[in-house]
C-alpha atoms as a PDB file:
ATOM      1  CA  MET A   1     -63.100  26.961  87.385  1.00  0.00           C
ATOM      2  CA  GLU A   2     -61.283  30.301  87.577  1.00  0.00           C
ATOM      3  CA  PHE A   3     -58.072  28.296  85.741  1.00  0.00           C
ATOM      4  CA  LEU A   4     -60.984  27.103  83.044  1.00  0.00           C
ATOM      5  CA  THR A   5     -62.726  30.597  82.072  1.00  0.00           C
ATOM      6  CA  PRO A   6     -60.851  33.119  81.787  1.00  0.00           C
ATOM      7  CA  GLY A   7     -61.934  36.814  83.712  1.00  0.00           C
ATOM      8  CA  SER A   8     -63.069  39.427  81.580  1.00  0.00           C
ATOM      9  CA  GLY A   9     -60.207  42.133  82.359  1.00  0.00           C
ATOM     10  CA  LEU A  10     -58.040  39.481  80.681  1.00  0.00           C
ATOM     11  CA  LEU A  11     -59.969  38.925  77.939  1.00  0.00           C
ATOM     12  CA  PHE A  12     -60.168  43.341  77.675  1.00  0.00           C
ATOM     13  CA  TRP A  13     -56.672  43.289  77.602  1.00  0.00           C
ATOM     14  CA  GLN A  14     -56.134  39.955  75.183  1.00  0.00           C
ATOM     15  CA  VAL A  15     -58.253  41.849  72.501  1.00  0.00           C
ATOM     16  CA  VAL A  16     -56.370  45.157  72.824  1.00  0.00           C
ATOM     17  CA  ILE A  17     -52.517  43.418  72.613  1.00  0.00           C
ATOM     18  CA  PHE A  18     -53.540  41.502  69.588  1.00  0.00           C
ATOM     19  CA  LEU A  19     -55.471  44.011  67.945  1.00  0.00           C
ATOM     20  CA  ALA A  20     -52.070  46.625  68.705  1.00  0.00           C
ATOM     21  CA  LEU A  21     -50.187  43.752  67.563  1.00  0.00           C
ATOM     22  CA  PHE A  22     -52.379  43.009  64.409  1.00  0.00           C
ATOM     23  CA  PHE A  23     -52.241  46.754  63.535  1.00  0.00           C
ATOM     24  CA  LEU A  24     -48.831  46.500  64.161  1.00  0.00           C
ATOM     25  CA  LEU A  25     -48.066  43.540  62.091  1.00  0.00           C
ATOM     26  CA  SER A  26     -50.429  44.969  58.812  1.00  0.00           C
ATOM     27  CA  LYS A  27     -48.594  48.595  59.370  1.00  0.00           C
ATOM     28  CA  TYR A  28     -45.215  47.554  58.865  1.00  0.00           C
ATOM     29  CA  ALA A  29     -44.940  43.266  58.473  1.00  0.00           C
ATOM     30  CA  TRP A  30     -46.876  42.138  56.349  1.00  0.00           C
ATOM     31  CA  LYS A  31     -46.756  44.062  53.439  1.00  0.00           C
ATOM     32  CA  PRO A  32     -42.458  43.483  53.160  1.00  0.00           C
ATOM     33  CA  ILE A  33     -43.513  40.056  53.837  1.00  0.00           C
ATOM     34  CA  LEU A  34     -45.740  39.977  50.900  1.00  0.00           C
ATOM     35  CA  SER A  35     -43.645  41.510  48.371  1.00  0.00           C
ATOM     36  CA  SER A  36     -40.941  39.253  49.947  1.00  0.00           C
ATOM     37  CA  LEU A  37     -43.499  36.200  49.251  1.00  0.00           C
ATOM     38  CA  LYS A  38     -44.544  37.607  46.046  1.00  0.00           C
ATOM     39  CA  GLU A  39     -40.637  38.376  44.758  1.00  0.00           C
ATOM     40  CA  ARG A  40     -39.993  35.067  46.258  1.00  0.00           C
ATOM     41  CA  GLU A  41     -43.372  33.465  43.954  1.00  0.00           C
ATOM     42  CA  THR A  42     -41.826  35.539  41.019  1.00  0.00           C
ATOM     43  CA  SER A  43     -38.120  34.250  40.863  1.00  0.00           C
ATOM     44  CA  ILE A  44     -39.557  30.428  41.448  1.00  0.00           C
ATOM     45  CA  GLN A  45     -41.486  30.898  38.351  1.00  0.00           C
ATOM     46  CA  ALA A  46     -39.234  32.496  36.693  1.00  0.00           C
ATOM     47  CA  ALA A  47     -36.989  29.730  36.889  1.00  0.00           C
ATOM     48  CA  LEU A  48     -39.741  27.612  36.103  1.00  0.00           C
ATOM     49  CA  ASP A  49     -40.033  29.011  33.137  1.00  0.00           C
ATOM     50  CA  SER A  50     -36.497  28.533  32.692  1.00  0.00           C
ATOM     51  CA  ALA A  51     -36.521  25.511  33.348  1.00  0.00           C
ATOM     52  CA  GLU A  52     -39.274  24.672  30.468  1.00  0.00           C
ATOM     53  CA  ASN A  53     -37.368  26.980  28.002  1.00  0.00           C
ATOM     54  CA  ALA A  54     -34.240  24.475  28.782  1.00  0.00           C
ATOM     55  CA  LYS A  55     -36.145  21.556  28.219  1.00  0.00           C
ATOM     56  CA  LYS A  56     -38.532  22.982  25.428  1.00  0.00           C
ATOM     57  CA  GLU A  57     -34.581  23.337  23.746  1.00  0.00           C
ATOM     58  CA  MET A  58     -33.532  20.477  24.547  1.00  0.00           C
ATOM     59  CA  ALA A  59     -35.953  18.751  22.832  1.00  0.00           C
ATOM     60  CA  SER A  60     -35.328  20.943  19.731  1.00  0.00           C
ATOM     61  CA  LEU A  61     -31.851  20.472  20.388  1.00  0.00           C
ATOM     62  CA  LYS A  62     -32.542  16.451  20.535  1.00  0.00           C
ATOM     63  CA  GLU A  63     -34.673  17.012  17.569  1.00  0.00           C
ATOM     64  CA  ASP A  64     -31.358  18.677  15.783  1.00  0.00           C
ATOM     65  CA  ASN A  65     -29.280  16.404  17.038  1.00  0.00           C
ATOM     66  CA  GLU A  66     -31.684  13.578  15.494  1.00  0.00           C
ATOM     67  CA  LYS A  67     -31.763  15.162  12.199  1.00  0.00           C
ATOM     68  CA  LEU A  68     -27.887  15.186  11.970  1.00  0.00           C
ATOM     69  CA  LEU A  69     -27.813  12.300  12.932  1.00  0.00           C
ATOM     70  CA  ARG A  70     -30.138  10.850  10.491  1.00  0.00           C
ATOM     71  CA  GLN A  71     -28.052  12.564   7.531  1.00  0.00           C
ATOM     72  CA  ALA A  72     -24.882  11.299   8.291  1.00  0.00           C
ATOM     73  CA  ARG A  73     -26.297   8.160   8.364  1.00  0.00           C
ATOM     74  CA  GLU A  74     -27.963   8.662   4.880  1.00  0.00           C
ATOM     75  CA  GLU A  75     -24.560  10.489   3.648  1.00  0.00           C
ATOM     76  CA  ARG A  76     -22.956   7.571   5.156  1.00  0.00           C
ATOM     77  CA  ASP A  77     -24.969   5.180   3.207  1.00  0.00           C
ATOM     78  CA  LYS A  78     -24.756   6.624   0.038  1.00  0.00           C
ATOM     79  CA  ILE A  79     -20.326   7.499   0.513  1.00  0.00           C
ATOM     80  CA  LEU A  80     -20.368   3.533   0.930  1.00  0.00           C
ATOM     81  CA  LYS A  81     -22.701   1.829  -1.915  1.00  0.00           C
ATOM     82  CA  GLU A  82     -20.779   4.626  -4.269  1.00  0.00           C
ATOM     83  CA  ALA A  83     -17.947   2.800  -2.289  1.00  0.00           C
ATOM     84  CA  ARG A  84     -19.104  -0.263  -3.284  1.00  0.00           C
ATOM     85  CA  GLU A  85     -20.530   0.916  -7.289  1.00  0.00           C
ATOM     86  CA  ALA A  86     -17.035   2.578  -7.771  1.00  0.00           C
ATOM     87  CA  ALA A  87     -15.258  -0.925  -6.436  1.00  0.00           C
ATOM     88  CA  ASN A  88     -17.390  -3.187  -8.523  1.00  0.00           C
ATOM     89  CA  ARG A  89     -16.875  -0.839 -11.095  1.00  0.00           C
ATOM     90  CA  LEU A  90     -13.290  -1.012 -11.495  1.00  0.00           C
ATOM     91  CA  HIS A  91     -13.547  -5.184 -10.599  1.00  0.00           C
ATOM     92  CA  ASP A  92     -15.237  -5.354 -14.052  1.00  0.00           C
ATOM     93  CA  GLN A  93     -12.444  -3.252 -15.782  1.00  0.00           C
ATOM     94  CA  ALA A  94      -9.607  -5.005 -14.479  1.00  0.00           C
ATOM     95  CA  GLN A  95     -11.563  -8.295 -15.506  1.00  0.00           C
ATOM     96  CA  THR A  96     -12.520  -6.577 -18.323  1.00  0.00           C
ATOM     97  CA  ASP A  97      -8.632  -5.536 -18.990  1.00  0.00           C
ATOM     98  CA  ALA A  98      -7.677  -8.793 -17.811  1.00  0.00           C
ATOM     99  CA  LYS A  99      -9.438 -10.950 -20.528  1.00  0.00           C
ATOM    100  CA  ARG A 100      -8.524  -8.456 -22.990  1.00  0.00           C
ATOM    101  CA  ASN A 101      -4.915  -8.917 -22.140  1.00  0.00           C
ATOM    102  CA  ALA A 102      -5.439 -13.049 -22.390  1.00  0.00           C
ATOM    103  CA  ASP A 103      -7.510 -12.774 -26.010  1.00  0.00           C
ATOM    104  CA  LYS A 104      -4.361 -10.912 -27.115  1.00  0.00           C
ATOM    105  CA  ILE A 105      -1.759 -12.985 -25.578  1.00  0.00           C
ATOM    106  CA  ILE A 106      -3.701 -15.912 -27.168  1.00  0.00           C
ATOM    107  CA  GLN A 107      -4.243 -14.233 -30.344  1.00  0.00           C
ATOM    108  CA  ASP A 108      -0.020 -13.124 -30.111  1.00  0.00           C
ATOM    109  CA  ALA A 109       0.538 -16.580 -29.507  1.00  0.00           C
ATOM    110  CA  LYS A 110      -1.529 -18.953 -32.391  1.00  0.00           C
ATOM    111  CA  ALA A 111       0.028 -15.567 -34.598  1.00  0.00           C
ATOM    112  CA  VAL A 112       3.625 -17.188 -33.205  1.00  0.00           C
ATOM    113  CA  ILE A 113       2.753 -20.990 -34.044  1.00  0.00           C
ATOM    114  CA  GLN A 114       0.969 -19.884 -36.852  1.00  0.00           C
ATOM    115  CA  THR A 115       4.296 -17.984 -37.924  1.00  0.00           C
ATOM    116  CA  GLU A 116       6.485 -20.894 -36.558  1.00  0.00           C
ATOM    117  CA  LYS A 117       4.487 -23.636 -38.265  1.00  0.00           C
ATOM    118  CA  GLN A 118       4.975 -22.209 -41.769  1.00  0.00           C
ATOM    119  CA  ALA A 119       8.878 -21.978 -41.362  1.00  0.00           C
ATOM    120  CA  ALA A 120       9.043 -25.678 -40.293  1.00  0.00           C
ATOM    121  CA  LEU A 121       6.900 -26.567 -42.894  1.00  0.00           C
ATOM    122  CA  ARG A 122       9.362 -24.421 -45.634  1.00  0.00           C
ATOM    123  CA  ASP A 123      12.241 -26.451 -43.787  1.00  0.00           C
ATOM    124  CA  VAL A 124      10.665 -29.465 -44.295  1.00  0.00           C
ATOM    125  CA  ARG A 125       9.352 -28.337 -48.195  1.00  0.00           C
ATOM    126  CA  ALA A 126      12.763 -27.270 -48.662  1.00  0.00           C
ATOM    127  CA  GLN A 127      14.127 -30.813 -46.569  1.00  0.00           C
ATOM    128  CA  VAL A 128      12.580 -32.726 -48.900  1.00  0.00           C
ATOM    129  CA  ALA A 129      13.129 -30.858 -51.827  1.00  0.00           C
ATOM    130  CA  GLN A 130      16.502 -31.445 -51.561  1.00  0.00           C
ATOM    131  CA  LEU A 131      16.230 -35.406 -50.533  1.00  0.00           C
ATOM    132  CA  SER A 132      14.158 -35.199 -53.914  1.00  0.00           C
ATOM    133  CA  LEU A 133      17.177 -33.860 -55.395  1.00  0.00           C
ATOM    134  CA  ASN A 134      19.938 -35.571 -53.893  1.00  0.00           C
ATOM    135  CA  ILE A 135      17.665 -38.844 -54.715  1.00  0.00           C
ATOM    136  CA  ALA A 136      17.158 -37.196 -58.089  1.00  0.00           C
ATOM    137  CA  GLU A 137      20.653 -37.325 -58.950  1.00  0.00           C
ATOM    138  CA  LYS A 138      21.996 -40.694 -57.895  1.00  0.00           C
ATOM    139  CA  LEU A 139      19.240 -41.681 -59.949  1.00  0.00           C
ATOM    140  CA  VAL A 140      20.456 -40.267 -63.198  1.00  0.00           C
ATOM    141  CA  LYS A 141      24.095 -41.363 -61.855  1.00  0.00           C
ATOM    142  CA  LYS A 142      23.469 -45.244 -61.805  1.00  0.00           C
ATOM    143  CA  ASN A 143      21.148 -46.984 -64.456  1.00  0.00           C
ATOM    144  CA  LEU A 144      18.533 -48.760 -62.507  1.00  0.00           C
ATOM    145  CA  THR A 145      17.324 -51.523 -65.198  1.00  0.00           C
ATOM    146  CA  ASP A 146      16.491 -54.533 -62.706  1.00  0.00           C
ATOM    147  CA  ASP A 147      14.176 -54.855 -59.745  1.00  0.00           C
ATOM    148  CA  LYS A 148      17.195 -55.803 -57.194  1.00  0.00           C
ATOM    149  CA  ALA A 149      19.251 -52.495 -58.263  1.00  0.00           C
ATOM    150  CA  GLN A 150      16.382 -50.156 -56.990  1.00  0.00           C
ATOM    151  CA  ARG A 151      15.435 -51.947 -54.030  1.00  0.00           C
ATOM    152  CA  GLU A 152      18.692 -51.501 -53.324  1.00  0.00           C
ATOM    153  CA  LEU A 153      18.636 -48.430 -53.917  1.00  0.00           C
ATOM    154  CA  VAL A 154      15.974 -47.444 -51.286  1.00  0.00           C
ATOM    155  CA  ASP A 155      17.895 -49.496 -48.708  1.00  0.00           C
ATOM    156  CA  GLY A 156      21.155 -47.583 -49.213  1.00  0.00           C
ATOM    157  CA  PHE A 157      18.947 -44.448 -48.982  1.00  0.00           C
ATOM    158  CA  ILE A 158      17.422 -44.844 -46.072  1.00  0.00           C
ATOM    159  CA  LYS A 159      20.174 -46.051 -43.996  1.00  0.00           C
ATOM    160  CA  ASP A 160      21.788 -42.813 -45.470  1.00  0.00           C
ATOM    161  CA  LEU A 161      18.569 -40.994 -43.921  1.00  0.00           C
ATOM    162  CA  LYS A 162      18.967 -39.686 -39.733  1.00  0.00           C
ATOM    163  CA  LEU A 163      15.513 -39.133 -38.616  1.00  0.00           C
ATOM    164  CA  ASN A 164      15.754 -37.607 -35.823  1.00  0.00           C
END
């Protein structure tokens, strides 16, 4: 049973060695160990604070990026809207100009047609006048006393006429 219960001498020396070791450790080892632990704790806390600041900064940058992206989209939409409006204005202007040009061409064509019509009517009148003069001249030359002579004269004039 001696193995199970230590002797008083062994117990005394164990307590003395423990107290000496405790004294030496507290005097020389614990302060550097505690200071290195404190330093490590401080560096870990600084790293955590730095990570938190970086996280906040990233969130701020993300928010700024989203704001810039939203502004860029609004600007793009505004530019596209202005471009569509400009295209519509140009289209409407082109249609108006084309209609105006078409109306001018039609008016010019009507004027030309009217001028040609007037010239043709003058020509026809001149030809009718000339024909009337020719008929009158032939009538004066020939004395028409009977109906038969008048019919022969009219038939002769009709044959002489060259109609186009």
